[in-house]
Amino acid sequence: MSTMVHAQAGADHTDVPFIVRAAVKLAILESLFVLLIALASRMLSGGVETALLTVLITAGVLAVTVLPGRWTGARTIEGIAGAAGIGLAAAWIFLLVDVSLFQPFGLWTNRWREIGGGSNWWYHPVWWMVGTYLPCLGAWILANQTARTGAPNPTALVTTSLGFTVVCAALALLTGFPGAGWNLGTFGVAFLPGLALATVVSVLGARRK
């Protein structure tokens, strides 16, 4: 892999104070998106609700995927791991906001944790895993782009990931995958394999060192 080399000067920023500051910024952003999504779900309905939620969820998912790798300047495994660390720490911070503010004040109308029988022990680990997975693969794609062209290309990351997400969602519908439909839930789940496929494609043509 082109990214499995020593950290380069001017890139791969992974000192602990930097990671903590970046995690706080990302957690604030995640909290804001979740707040807006929850309020939109409460206050709107029909096509307007769906349209706004589509924009908010897409923007939120892409922000968590792209920003950590950009902040660390991911070029090697060092920067990729740093981005994953930002995502994990941000997930922890967000969940503190969730349990101390969002849940006690009844912000949610249908929390993930309700699917797991009302237990945070189910809901929180899922958030940790997804919150780490997205920045890790996002940074990996950015590092591969830099190895191939000399510069990261967030726009290509976004378009490729969303394109594969649509493909994965369509395949789920065509094959009768349980619960699949043309809805935001299917989009959210399909983004996970879609991002993985985009990562595989980003490896192609990257210069090895």
N, C-alpha and C. Protein backbone atom coordinates (compact mmCIF):
# COMPACT_ATOMS: atom_id res chain seq x y z
N MET A 1 0.83 -1.20 0.00
CA MET A 1 0.00 0.00 0.00
C MET A 1 0.87 1.25 0.00
N SER A 2 0.44 2.25 -0.74
CA SER A 2 1.19 3.49 -0.80
C SER A 2 1.17 4.22 0.52
N THR A 3 0.16 3.95 1.37
CA THR A 3 0.03 4.69 2.62
C THR A 3 0.80 4.06 3.76
N MET A 4 1.36 2.87 3.57
CA MET A 4 2.04 2.17 4.65
C MET A 4 3.52 2.52 4.68
N VAL A 5 3.81 3.82 4.89
CA VAL A 5 5.19 4.28 4.94
C VAL A 5 5.34 5.23 6.12
N HIS A 6 6.54 5.74 6.31
CA HIS A 6 6.77 6.66 7.41
C HIS A 6 6.08 8.00 7.17
N ALA A 7 5.71 8.66 8.26
CA ALA A 7 5.04 9.96 8.16
C ALA A 7 5.93 10.97 7.46
N GLN A 8 5.32 11.86 6.70
CA GLN A 8 6.04 12.86 5.95
C GLN A 8 5.99 14.20 6.67
N ALA A 9 7.00 15.02 6.45
CA ALA A 9 7.02 16.35 7.04
C ALA A 9 5.88 17.18 6.47
N GLY A 10 5.22 17.94 7.33
CA GLY A 10 4.12 18.78 6.89
C GLY A 10 2.81 18.05 6.72
N ALA A 11 2.77 16.80 7.12
CA ALA A 11 1.53 16.01 7.01
C ALA A 11 1.44 15.09 8.22
N ASP A 12 0.36 14.32 8.28
CA ASP A 12 0.17 13.33 9.34
C ASP A 12 0.30 13.97 10.73
N HIS A 13 -0.54 14.96 11.00
CA HIS A 13 -0.52 15.65 12.30
C HIS A 13 -1.30 14.80 13.31
N THR A 14 -0.59 14.20 14.25
CA THR A 14 -1.25 13.27 15.17
C THR A 14 -0.83 13.47 16.63
N ASP A 15 -0.24 14.64 16.97
CA ASP A 15 0.09 14.85 18.38
C ASP A 15 -1.21 14.92 19.20
N VAL A 16 -1.12 14.50 20.44
CA VAL A 16 -2.32 14.32 21.27
C VAL A 16 -3.12 15.61 21.44
N PRO A 17 -2.52 16.76 21.76
CA PRO A 17 -3.33 17.98 21.89
C PRO A 17 -4.11 18.32 20.61
N PHE A 18 -3.48 18.10 19.47
CA PHE A 18 -4.15 18.36 18.19
C PHE A 18 -5.35 17.43 18.01
N ILE A 19 -5.17 16.13 18.32
CA ILE A 19 -6.25 15.16 18.18
C ILE A 19 -7.42 15.54 19.09
N VAL A 20 -7.11 15.95 20.31
CA VAL A 20 -8.17 16.32 21.26
C VAL A 20 -8.93 17.53 20.77
N ARG A 21 -8.22 18.55 20.32
CA ARG A 21 -8.90 19.75 19.81
C ARG A 21 -9.78 19.42 18.60
N ALA A 22 -9.25 18.62 17.70
CA ALA A 22 -10.02 18.24 16.52
C ALA A 22 -11.24 17.42 16.90
N ALA A 23 -11.10 16.53 17.88
CA ALA A 23 -12.23 15.71 18.32
C ALA A 23 -13.33 16.57 18.93
N VAL A 24 -12.94 17.58 19.68
CA VAL A 24 -13.94 18.48 20.26
C VAL A 24 -14.70 19.22 19.16
N LYS A 25 -13.96 19.70 18.15
CA LYS A 25 -14.61 20.39 17.03
C LYS A 25 -15.59 19.46 16.31
N LEU A 26 -15.15 18.24 16.04
CA LEU A 26 -16.01 17.30 15.33
C LEU A 26 -17.23 16.94 16.17
N ALA A 27 -17.05 16.78 17.48
CA ALA A 27 -18.17 16.45 18.36
C ALA A 27 -19.20 17.57 18.38
N ILE A 28 -18.73 18.80 18.40
CA ILE A 28 -19.66 19.94 18.35
C ILE A 28 -20.44 19.93 17.05
N LEU A 29 -19.75 19.64 15.95
CA LEU A 29 -20.41 19.58 14.65
C LEU A 29 -21.44 18.44 14.62
N GLU A 30 -21.07 17.27 15.13
CA GLU A 30 -22.00 16.14 15.18
C GLU A 30 -23.22 16.49 16.02
N SER A 31 -23.00 17.14 17.16
CA SER A 31 -24.11 17.50 18.05
C SER A 31 -25.05 18.48 17.35
N LEU A 32 -24.49 19.41 16.61
CA LEU A 32 -25.32 20.38 15.89
C LEU A 32 -26.16 19.70 14.83
N PHE A 33 -25.55 18.78 14.06
CA PHE A 33 -26.30 18.07 13.04
C PHE A 33 -27.41 17.23 13.66
N VAL A 34 -27.10 16.54 14.75
CA VAL A 34 -28.11 15.71 15.41
C VAL A 34 -29.24 16.58 15.95
N LEU A 35 -28.91 17.72 16.52
CA LEU A 35 -29.94 18.63 17.02
C LEU A 35 -30.86 19.10 15.90
N LEU A 36 -30.27 19.51 14.77
CA LEU A 36 -31.07 19.98 13.64
C LEU A 36 -31.94 18.86 13.07
N ILE A 37 -31.38 17.65 12.98
CA ILE A 37 -32.14 16.51 12.46
C ILE A 37 -33.32 16.19 13.37
N ALA A 38 -33.07 16.19 14.68
CA ALA A 38 -34.14 15.88 15.62
C ALA A 38 -35.24 16.95 15.59
N LEU A 39 -34.86 18.22 15.52
CA LEU A 39 -35.84 19.29 15.46
C LEU A 39 -36.65 19.23 14.17
N ALA A 40 -35.97 18.93 13.05
CA ALA A 40 -36.68 18.81 11.78
C ALA A 40 -37.69 17.68 11.83
N SER A 41 -37.32 16.57 12.48
CA SER A 41 -38.23 15.43 12.60
C SER A 41 -39.46 15.78 13.43
N ARG A 42 -39.27 16.64 14.44
CA ARG A 42 -40.38 17.03 15.31
C ARG A 42 -41.30 18.07 14.67
N MET A 43 -40.70 19.01 13.95
CA MET A 43 -41.44 20.19 13.52
C MET A 43 -42.01 20.09 12.10
N LEU A 44 -41.45 19.18 11.28
CA LEU A 44 -41.86 19.10 9.89
C LEU A 44 -42.47 17.75 9.58
N SER A 45 -43.05 17.64 8.40
CA SER A 45 -43.62 16.37 7.95
C SER A 45 -43.66 16.35 6.43
N GLY A 46 -43.91 15.15 5.89
CA GLY A 46 -44.07 15.01 4.45
C GLY A 46 -42.81 15.26 3.67
N GLY A 47 -42.98 15.79 2.47
CA GLY A 47 -41.87 15.99 1.55
C GLY A 47 -40.84 16.99 2.06
N VAL A 48 -41.30 18.02 2.77
CA VAL A 48 -40.37 19.03 3.29
C VAL A 48 -39.45 18.40 4.33
N GLU A 49 -40.01 17.58 5.21
CA GLU A 49 -39.20 16.88 6.21
C GLU A 49 -38.18 15.97 5.54
N THR A 50 -38.64 15.18 4.58
CA THR A 50 -37.74 14.25 3.91
C THR A 50 -36.60 14.97 3.21
N ALA A 51 -36.93 16.06 2.51
CA ALA A 51 -35.91 16.82 1.78
C ALA A 51 -34.87 17.40 2.72
N LEU A 52 -35.33 18.01 3.82
CA LEU A 52 -34.39 18.62 4.75
C LEU A 52 -33.54 17.57 5.46
N LEU A 53 -34.17 16.47 5.86
CA LEU A 53 -33.42 15.40 6.52
C LEU A 53 -32.38 14.80 5.58
N THR A 54 -32.72 14.67 4.30
CA THR A 54 -31.77 14.14 3.33
C THR A 54 -30.53 15.01 3.25
N VAL A 55 -30.74 16.33 3.21
CA VAL A 55 -29.61 17.26 3.15
C VAL A 55 -28.78 17.19 4.43
N LEU A 56 -29.45 17.20 5.58
CA LEU A 56 -28.73 17.22 6.86
C LEU A 56 -27.96 15.93 7.10
N ILE A 57 -28.60 14.80 6.84
CA ILE A 57 -27.94 13.52 7.08
C ILE A 57 -26.76 13.33 6.13
N THR A 58 -26.97 13.68 4.86
CA THR A 58 -25.88 13.55 3.89
C THR A 58 -24.71 14.45 4.26
N ALA A 59 -25.01 15.70 4.61
CA ALA A 59 -23.95 16.64 4.98
C ALA A 59 -23.23 16.17 6.24
N GLY A 60 -23.98 15.66 7.22
CA GLY A 60 -23.37 15.19 8.45
C GLY A 60 -22.46 14.00 8.24
N VAL A 61 -22.94 13.03 7.49
CA VAL A 61 -22.14 11.83 7.21
C VAL A 61 -20.86 12.20 6.45
N LEU A 62 -20.99 13.05 5.47
CA LEU A 62 -19.82 13.43 4.67
C LEU A 62 -18.83 14.26 5.49
N ALA A 63 -19.33 15.11 6.37
CA ALA A 63 -18.43 15.90 7.22
C ALA A 63 -17.60 15.00 8.12
N VAL A 64 -18.25 14.00 8.72
CA VAL A 64 -17.53 13.08 9.60
C VAL A 64 -16.53 12.24 8.80
N THR A 65 -16.86 11.95 7.56
CA THR A 65 -15.98 11.15 6.71
C THR A 65 -14.76 11.92 6.22
N VAL A 66 -14.96 13.18 5.84
CA VAL A 66 -13.91 13.94 5.16
C VAL A 66 -13.03 14.75 6.11
N LEU A 67 -13.64 15.43 7.08
CA LEU A 67 -12.89 16.43 7.86
C LEU A 67 -11.71 15.87 8.66
N PRO A 68 -11.85 14.76 9.38
CA PRO A 68 -10.69 14.30 10.17
C PRO A 68 -9.44 14.05 9.33
N GLY A 69 -9.60 13.43 8.17
CA GLY A 69 -8.45 13.19 7.30
C GLY A 69 -7.85 14.47 6.76
N ARG A 70 -8.69 15.46 6.51
CA ARG A 70 -8.19 16.76 6.06
C ARG A 70 -7.43 17.45 7.19
N TRP A 71 -7.97 17.36 8.41
CA TRP A 71 -7.31 18.01 9.54
C TRP A 71 -5.95 17.39 9.84
N THR A 72 -5.85 16.07 9.78
CA THR A 72 -4.56 15.44 10.07
C THR A 72 -3.61 15.53 8.89
N GLY A 73 -4.10 15.89 7.71
CA GLY A 73 -3.27 15.89 6.51
C GLY A 73 -2.80 14.49 6.21
N ALA A 74 -3.74 13.55 6.24
CA ALA A 74 -3.40 12.12 6.13
C ALA A 74 -2.64 11.82 4.84
N ARG A 75 -1.45 11.28 5.01
CA ARG A 75 -0.63 10.85 3.88
C ARG A 75 -0.21 9.39 4.04
N THR A 76 -0.03 8.97 5.28
CA THR A 76 0.41 7.60 5.58
C THR A 76 -0.52 7.01 6.63
N ILE A 77 -0.16 5.80 7.08
CA ILE A 77 -0.97 5.14 8.10
C ILE A 77 -1.05 5.97 9.38
N GLU A 78 -0.03 6.80 9.64
CA GLU A 78 -0.03 7.65 10.83
C GLU A 78 -1.19 8.64 10.78
N GLY A 79 -1.35 9.32 9.67
CA GLY A 79 -2.45 10.28 9.55
C GLY A 79 -3.81 9.62 9.49
N ILE A 80 -3.87 8.44 8.88
CA ILE A 80 -5.13 7.70 8.82
C ILE A 80 -5.56 7.29 10.23
N ALA A 81 -4.61 6.77 11.01
CA ALA A 81 -4.91 6.39 12.39
C ALA A 81 -5.31 7.60 13.22
N GLY A 82 -4.66 8.74 12.97
CA GLY A 82 -5.03 9.96 13.68
C GLY A 82 -6.45 10.37 13.39
N ALA A 83 -6.86 10.27 12.12
CA ALA A 83 -8.23 10.61 11.74
C ALA A 83 -9.23 9.67 12.43
N ALA A 84 -8.89 8.38 12.48
CA ALA A 84 -9.75 7.43 13.18
C ALA A 84 -9.84 7.78 14.66
N GLY A 85 -8.72 8.20 15.25
CA GLY A 85 -8.71 8.60 16.66
C GLY A 85 -9.58 9.81 16.90
N ILE A 86 -9.55 10.77 15.98
CA ILE A 86 -10.43 11.94 16.09
C ILE A 86 -11.89 11.51 16.07
N GLY A 87 -12.22 10.59 15.15
CA GLY A 87 -13.59 10.13 15.05
C GLY A 87 -14.06 9.42 16.30
N LEU A 88 -13.20 8.55 16.86
CA LEU A 88 -13.57 7.81 18.06
C LEU A 88 -13.74 8.75 19.25
N ALA A 89 -12.80 9.66 19.45
CA ALA A 89 -12.89 10.59 20.57
C ALA A 89 -14.10 11.51 20.42
N ALA A 90 -14.38 11.94 19.19
CA ALA A 90 -15.55 12.78 18.95
C ALA A 90 -16.84 12.04 19.27
N ALA A 91 -16.88 10.74 18.96
CA ALA A 91 -18.06 9.93 19.28
C ALA A 91 -18.27 9.87 20.78
N TRP A 92 -17.20 9.69 21.55
CA TRP A 92 -17.31 9.68 23.01
C TRP A 92 -17.85 11.01 23.52
N ILE A 93 -17.29 12.10 23.00
CA ILE A 93 -17.72 13.43 23.46
C ILE A 93 -19.19 13.67 23.10
N PHE A 94 -19.57 13.30 21.87
CA PHE A 94 -20.97 13.48 21.48
C PHE A 94 -21.90 12.70 22.39
N LEU A 95 -21.52 11.48 22.73
CA LEU A 95 -22.40 10.65 23.55
C LEU A 95 -22.55 11.22 24.96
N LEU A 96 -21.54 11.94 25.45
CA LEU A 96 -21.70 12.66 26.72
C LEU A 96 -22.77 13.75 26.58
N VAL A 97 -22.72 14.45 25.45
CA VAL A 97 -23.76 15.46 25.17
C VAL A 97 -25.13 14.80 25.07
N ASP A 98 -25.17 13.64 24.41
CA ASP A 98 -26.43 12.93 24.22
C ASP A 98 -27.07 12.53 25.54
N VAL A 99 -26.28 11.89 26.42
CA VAL A 99 -26.87 11.37 27.67
C VAL A 99 -27.12 12.48 28.69
N SER A 100 -26.38 13.60 28.58
CA SER A 100 -26.55 14.67 29.57
C SER A 100 -27.55 15.74 29.13
N LEU A 101 -27.75 15.89 27.81
CA LEU A 101 -28.64 16.94 27.32
C LEU A 101 -29.77 16.42 26.44
N PHE A 102 -29.41 15.74 25.36
CA PHE A 102 -30.42 15.35 24.38
C PHE A 102 -31.45 14.38 24.95
N GLN A 103 -31.00 13.33 25.60
CA GLN A 103 -31.93 12.33 26.11
C GLN A 103 -32.77 12.84 27.27
N PRO A 104 -32.18 13.48 28.30
CA PRO A 104 -32.99 13.97 29.41
C PRO A 104 -34.06 14.98 29.01
N PHE A 105 -33.78 15.78 27.99
CA PHE A 105 -34.74 16.79 27.56
C PHE A 105 -35.70 16.26 26.49
N GLY A 106 -35.61 14.95 26.19
CA GLY A 106 -36.56 14.34 25.27
C GLY A 106 -36.44 14.83 23.85
N LEU A 107 -35.20 15.09 23.41
CA LEU A 107 -35.02 15.60 22.05
C LEU A 107 -35.46 14.60 21.00
N TRP A 108 -35.14 13.32 21.24
CA TRP A 108 -35.39 12.29 20.24
C TRP A 108 -36.85 11.87 20.20
N THR A 109 -37.32 11.55 19.01
CA THR A 109 -38.64 10.94 18.85
C THR A 109 -38.50 9.43 18.61
N ASN A 110 -37.36 9.00 18.10
CA ASN A 110 -37.14 7.57 17.83
C ASN A 110 -35.65 7.29 17.85
N ARG A 111 -35.09 7.09 19.04
CA ARG A 111 -33.65 6.89 19.19
C ARG A 111 -33.22 5.52 18.68
N TRP A 112 -31.95 5.45 18.25
CA TRP A 112 -31.38 4.15 17.91
C TRP A 112 -31.50 3.20 19.09
N ARG A 113 -31.30 3.70 20.31
CA ARG A 113 -31.26 2.83 21.47
C ARG A 113 -32.60 2.14 21.72
N GLU A 114 -33.68 2.70 21.20
CA GLU A 114 -34.98 2.05 21.36
C GLU A 114 -35.03 0.72 20.61
N ILE A 115 -34.28 0.64 19.51
CA ILE A 115 -34.22 -0.60 18.74
C ILE A 115 -33.56 -1.69 19.57
N GLY A 116 -32.62 -1.30 20.41
CA GLY A 116 -31.92 -2.26 21.26
C GLY A 116 -32.57 -2.44 22.61
N GLY A 117 -33.87 -2.15 22.73
CA GLY A 117 -34.58 -2.35 23.98
C GLY A 117 -34.38 -1.23 24.99
N GLY A 118 -34.00 -0.05 24.52
CA GLY A 118 -33.84 1.10 25.41
C GLY A 118 -32.52 1.12 26.15
N SER A 119 -31.51 0.42 25.66
CA SER A 119 -30.24 0.33 26.36
C SER A 119 -29.15 1.10 25.64
N ASN A 120 -28.46 1.98 26.37
CA ASN A 120 -27.32 2.68 25.79
C ASN A 120 -26.16 1.74 25.50
N TRP A 121 -26.14 0.57 26.13
CA TRP A 121 -25.06 -0.38 25.89
C TRP A 121 -25.13 -0.95 24.48
N TRP A 122 -26.26 -0.83 23.82
CA TRP A 122 -26.36 -1.22 22.41
C TRP A 122 -26.13 0.00 21.52
N TYR A 123 -26.75 1.10 21.87
CA TYR A 123 -26.74 2.30 21.04
C TYR A 123 -25.35 2.92 20.96
N HIS A 124 -24.68 3.07 22.08
CA HIS A 124 -23.41 3.76 22.09
C HIS A 124 -22.30 3.03 21.34
N PRO A 125 -22.10 1.72 21.52
CA PRO A 125 -21.04 1.06 20.73
C PRO A 125 -21.23 1.18 19.23
N VAL A 126 -22.48 1.18 18.76
CA VAL A 126 -22.71 1.36 17.32
C VAL A 126 -22.21 2.72 16.88
N TRP A 127 -22.48 3.75 17.68
CA TRP A 127 -22.01 5.10 17.35
C TRP A 127 -20.49 5.15 17.36
N TRP A 128 -19.85 4.50 18.34
CA TRP A 128 -18.39 4.48 18.38
C TRP A 128 -17.81 3.85 17.12
N MET A 129 -18.38 2.72 16.73
CA MET A 129 -17.84 2.00 15.58
C MET A 129 -18.00 2.79 14.29
N VAL A 130 -19.20 3.32 14.05
CA VAL A 130 -19.44 4.10 12.84
C VAL A 130 -18.64 5.39 12.86
N GLY A 131 -18.56 6.02 14.05
CA GLY A 131 -17.83 7.27 14.17
C GLY A 131 -16.34 7.12 13.95
N THR A 132 -15.81 5.91 14.10
CA THR A 132 -14.40 5.63 13.81
C THR A 132 -14.20 5.16 12.38
N TYR A 133 -15.13 4.34 11.92
CA TYR A 133 -15.06 3.75 10.57
C TYR A 133 -15.07 4.82 9.49
N LEU A 134 -15.97 5.78 9.58
CA LEU A 134 -16.10 6.79 8.53
C LEU A 134 -14.82 7.64 8.38
N PRO A 135 -14.28 8.23 9.46
CA PRO A 135 -13.05 9.02 9.30
C PRO A 135 -11.85 8.18 8.86
N CYS A 136 -11.79 6.93 9.33
CA CYS A 136 -10.66 6.08 8.96
C CYS A 136 -10.61 5.85 7.45
N LEU A 137 -11.74 5.43 6.87
CA LEU A 137 -11.76 5.18 5.43
C LEU A 137 -11.69 6.48 4.64
N GLY A 138 -12.30 7.54 5.15
CA GLY A 138 -12.20 8.83 4.47
C GLY A 138 -10.75 9.29 4.37
N ALA A 139 -10.00 9.17 5.47
CA ALA A 139 -8.59 9.55 5.46
C ALA A 139 -7.78 8.63 4.56
N TRP A 140 -8.13 7.37 4.53
CA TRP A 140 -7.42 6.42 3.67
C TRP A 140 -7.57 6.81 2.20
N ILE A 141 -8.80 7.19 1.82
CA ILE A 141 -9.03 7.62 0.44
C ILE A 141 -8.22 8.88 0.14
N LEU A 142 -8.22 9.85 1.05
CA LEU A 142 -7.47 11.08 0.83
C LEU A 142 -5.97 10.80 0.69
N ALA A 143 -5.46 9.87 1.52
CA ALA A 143 -4.04 9.51 1.42
C ALA A 143 -3.72 8.85 0.09
N ASN A 144 -4.61 7.97 -0.37
CA ASN A 144 -4.40 7.32 -1.67
C ASN A 144 -4.47 8.33 -2.81
N GLN A 145 -5.36 9.29 -2.71
CA GLN A 145 -5.45 10.32 -3.75
C GLN A 145 -4.16 11.12 -3.82
N THR A 146 -3.61 11.45 -2.65
CA THR A 146 -2.37 12.22 -2.61
C THR A 146 -1.22 11.42 -3.19
N ALA A 147 -1.19 10.12 -2.88
CA ALA A 147 -0.14 9.26 -3.44
C ALA A 147 -0.23 9.17 -4.95
N ARG A 148 -1.46 9.28 -5.48
CA ARG A 148 -1.66 9.13 -6.92
C ARG A 148 -1.44 10.43 -7.67
N THR A 149 -1.94 11.56 -7.15
CA THR A 149 -1.94 12.81 -7.90
C THR A 149 -1.13 13.92 -7.23
N GLY A 150 -0.71 13.70 -5.98
CA GLY A 150 0.04 14.73 -5.28
C GLY A 150 -0.80 15.62 -4.40
N ALA A 151 -2.12 15.47 -4.43
CA ALA A 151 -3.01 16.30 -3.61
C ALA A 151 -4.29 15.55 -3.31
N PRO A 152 -4.88 15.76 -2.14
CA PRO A 152 -6.16 15.12 -1.83
C PRO A 152 -7.28 15.76 -2.63
N ASN A 153 -8.34 15.00 -2.88
CA ASN A 153 -9.47 15.50 -3.66
C ASN A 153 -10.77 15.14 -2.96
N PRO A 154 -11.20 15.96 -1.98
CA PRO A 154 -12.42 15.66 -1.24
C PRO A 154 -13.66 15.55 -2.13
N THR A 155 -13.69 16.33 -3.21
CA THR A 155 -14.85 16.26 -4.10
C THR A 155 -14.98 14.87 -4.72
N ALA A 156 -13.86 14.31 -5.17
CA ALA A 156 -13.88 12.96 -5.73
C ALA A 156 -14.27 11.94 -4.67
N LEU A 157 -13.80 12.14 -3.45
CA LEU A 157 -14.18 11.25 -2.34
C LEU A 157 -15.69 11.24 -2.18
N VAL A 158 -16.28 12.43 -2.15
CA VAL A 158 -17.73 12.56 -1.93
C VAL A 158 -18.51 11.92 -3.08
N THR A 159 -18.16 12.26 -4.30
CA THR A 159 -18.94 11.76 -5.44
C THR A 159 -18.80 10.25 -5.60
N THR A 160 -17.59 9.73 -5.40
CA THR A 160 -17.40 8.29 -5.53
C THR A 160 -18.15 7.53 -4.44
N SER A 161 -18.06 8.02 -3.22
CA SER A 161 -18.74 7.36 -2.10
C SER A 161 -20.25 7.38 -2.28
N LEU A 162 -20.79 8.52 -2.67
CA LEU A 162 -22.24 8.61 -2.86
C LEU A 162 -22.68 7.75 -4.04
N GLY A 163 -21.86 7.71 -5.09
CA GLY A 163 -22.20 6.86 -6.24
C GLY A 163 -22.30 5.41 -5.86
N PHE A 164 -21.31 4.91 -5.12
CA PHE A 164 -21.33 3.52 -4.67
C PHE A 164 -22.46 3.28 -3.66
N THR A 165 -22.80 4.30 -2.90
CA THR A 165 -23.92 4.17 -1.96
C THR A 165 -25.23 3.91 -2.69
N VAL A 166 -25.44 4.66 -3.76
CA VAL A 166 -26.65 4.46 -4.57
C VAL A 166 -26.67 3.05 -5.16
N VAL A 167 -25.51 2.59 -5.64
CA VAL A 167 -25.42 1.24 -6.21
C VAL A 167 -25.76 0.20 -5.14
N CYS A 168 -25.18 0.35 -3.95
CA CYS A 168 -25.44 -0.62 -2.88
C CYS A 168 -26.90 -0.61 -2.46
N ALA A 169 -27.51 0.58 -2.40
CA ALA A 169 -28.92 0.67 -2.04
C ALA A 169 -29.79 0.00 -3.09
N ALA A 170 -29.48 0.23 -4.37
CA ALA A 170 -30.25 -0.37 -5.45
C ALA A 170 -30.13 -1.89 -5.43
N LEU A 171 -28.92 -2.40 -5.18
CA LEU A 171 -28.73 -3.84 -5.10
C LEU A 171 -29.52 -4.44 -3.93
N ALA A 172 -29.55 -3.73 -2.82
CA ALA A 172 -30.31 -4.20 -1.67
C ALA A 172 -31.79 -4.31 -2.00
N LEU A 173 -32.31 -3.34 -2.74
CA LEU A 173 -33.71 -3.37 -3.14
C LEU A 173 -33.99 -4.49 -4.13
N LEU A 174 -33.11 -4.64 -5.11
CA LEU A 174 -33.32 -5.65 -6.15
C LEU A 174 -33.23 -7.07 -5.60
N THR A 175 -32.39 -7.25 -4.57
CA THR A 175 -32.22 -8.59 -4.00
C THR A 175 -33.16 -8.85 -2.83
N GLY A 176 -34.00 -7.88 -2.51
CA GLY A 176 -34.95 -8.06 -1.42
C GLY A 176 -34.31 -8.10 -0.05
N PHE A 177 -33.26 -7.32 0.15
CA PHE A 177 -32.59 -7.26 1.45
C PHE A 177 -33.59 -6.81 2.51
N PRO A 178 -33.66 -7.50 3.66
CA PRO A 178 -34.66 -7.17 4.68
C PRO A 178 -34.61 -5.72 5.12
N GLY A 179 -35.76 -5.04 5.06
CA GLY A 179 -35.86 -3.65 5.50
C GLY A 179 -35.43 -2.62 4.49
N ALA A 180 -34.90 -3.03 3.34
CA ALA A 180 -34.42 -2.07 2.35
C ALA A 180 -35.58 -1.36 1.67
N GLY A 181 -35.39 -0.09 1.39
CA GLY A 181 -36.40 0.70 0.69
C GLY A 181 -35.78 2.02 0.26
N TRP A 182 -36.51 2.78 -0.52
CA TRP A 182 -36.01 4.08 -0.93
C TRP A 182 -36.27 5.06 0.20
N ASN A 183 -35.44 4.98 1.24
CA ASN A 183 -35.61 5.83 2.41
C ASN A 183 -34.25 6.17 3.00
N LEU A 184 -34.26 7.05 4.00
CA LEU A 184 -33.00 7.52 4.58
C LEU A 184 -32.29 6.43 5.37
N GLY A 185 -33.05 5.50 5.96
CA GLY A 185 -32.42 4.41 6.67
C GLY A 185 -31.56 3.55 5.77
N THR A 186 -32.11 3.23 4.59
CA THR A 186 -31.35 2.44 3.63
C THR A 186 -30.13 3.20 3.14
N PHE A 187 -30.28 4.50 2.92
CA PHE A 187 -29.13 5.32 2.52
C PHE A 187 -28.03 5.26 3.57
N GLY A 188 -28.41 5.43 4.84
CA GLY A 188 -27.41 5.42 5.90
C GLY A 188 -26.65 4.11 5.98
N VAL A 189 -27.36 3.00 5.85
CA VAL A 189 -26.71 1.69 5.91
C VAL A 189 -25.87 1.46 4.65
N ALA A 190 -26.40 1.84 3.49
CA ALA A 190 -25.70 1.60 2.22
C ALA A 190 -24.42 2.43 2.11
N PHE A 191 -24.35 3.54 2.86
CA PHE A 191 -23.15 4.36 2.79
C PHE A 191 -21.93 3.62 3.32
N LEU A 192 -22.13 2.69 4.25
CA LEU A 192 -21.01 1.97 4.85
C LEU A 192 -20.28 1.10 3.81
N PRO A 193 -20.99 0.21 3.10
CA PRO A 193 -20.28 -0.54 2.03
C PRO A 193 -19.90 0.35 0.86
N GLY A 194 -20.69 1.41 0.61
CA GLY A 194 -20.35 2.32 -0.48
C GLY A 194 -19.01 2.99 -0.24
N LEU A 195 -18.75 3.39 1.00
CA LEU A 195 -17.47 4.01 1.33
C LEU A 195 -16.34 2.99 1.24
N ALA A 196 -16.60 1.76 1.64
CA ALA A 196 -15.58 0.71 1.53
C ALA A 196 -15.19 0.48 0.07
N LEU A 197 -16.18 0.45 -0.82
CA LEU A 197 -15.89 0.27 -2.24
C LEU A 197 -15.11 1.46 -2.80
N ALA A 198 -15.47 2.66 -2.36
CA ALA A 198 -14.74 3.84 -2.81
C ALA A 198 -13.29 3.78 -2.35
N THR A 199 -13.05 3.22 -1.17
CA THR A 199 -11.69 3.08 -0.66
C THR A 199 -10.89 2.11 -1.53
N VAL A 200 -11.51 0.99 -1.89
CA VAL A 200 -10.83 0.02 -2.76
C VAL A 200 -10.45 0.66 -4.09
N VAL A 201 -11.38 1.41 -4.68
CA VAL A 201 -11.12 2.06 -5.96
C VAL A 201 -10.00 3.09 -5.83
N SER A 202 -9.93 3.78 -4.69
CA SER A 202 -8.92 4.82 -4.51
C SER A 202 -7.50 4.26 -4.50
N VAL A 203 -7.38 2.96 -4.19
CA VAL A 203 -6.05 2.34 -4.17
C VAL A 203 -5.49 2.20 -5.58
N LEU A 204 -6.38 2.04 -6.55
CA LEU A 204 -5.94 1.78 -7.93
C LEU A 204 -5.16 2.98 -8.48
N GLY A 205 -3.99 2.72 -8.95
CA GLY A 205 -3.17 3.77 -9.56
C GLY A 205 -2.35 4.58 -8.60
N ALA A 206 -2.49 4.33 -7.28
CA ALA A 206 -1.69 5.08 -6.31
C ALA A 206 -0.23 4.65 -6.41
N ARG A 207 0.67 5.64 -6.33
CA ARG A 207 2.09 5.33 -6.43
C ARG A 207 2.59 4.64 -5.18
N ARG A 208 3.29 3.58 -5.34
CA ARG A 208 3.87 2.87 -4.19
C ARG A 208 5.23 3.45 -3.87
N LYS A 209 5.53 3.47 -2.55
CA LYS A 209 6.81 4.05 -2.11
C LYS A 209 7.56 3.03 -1.28
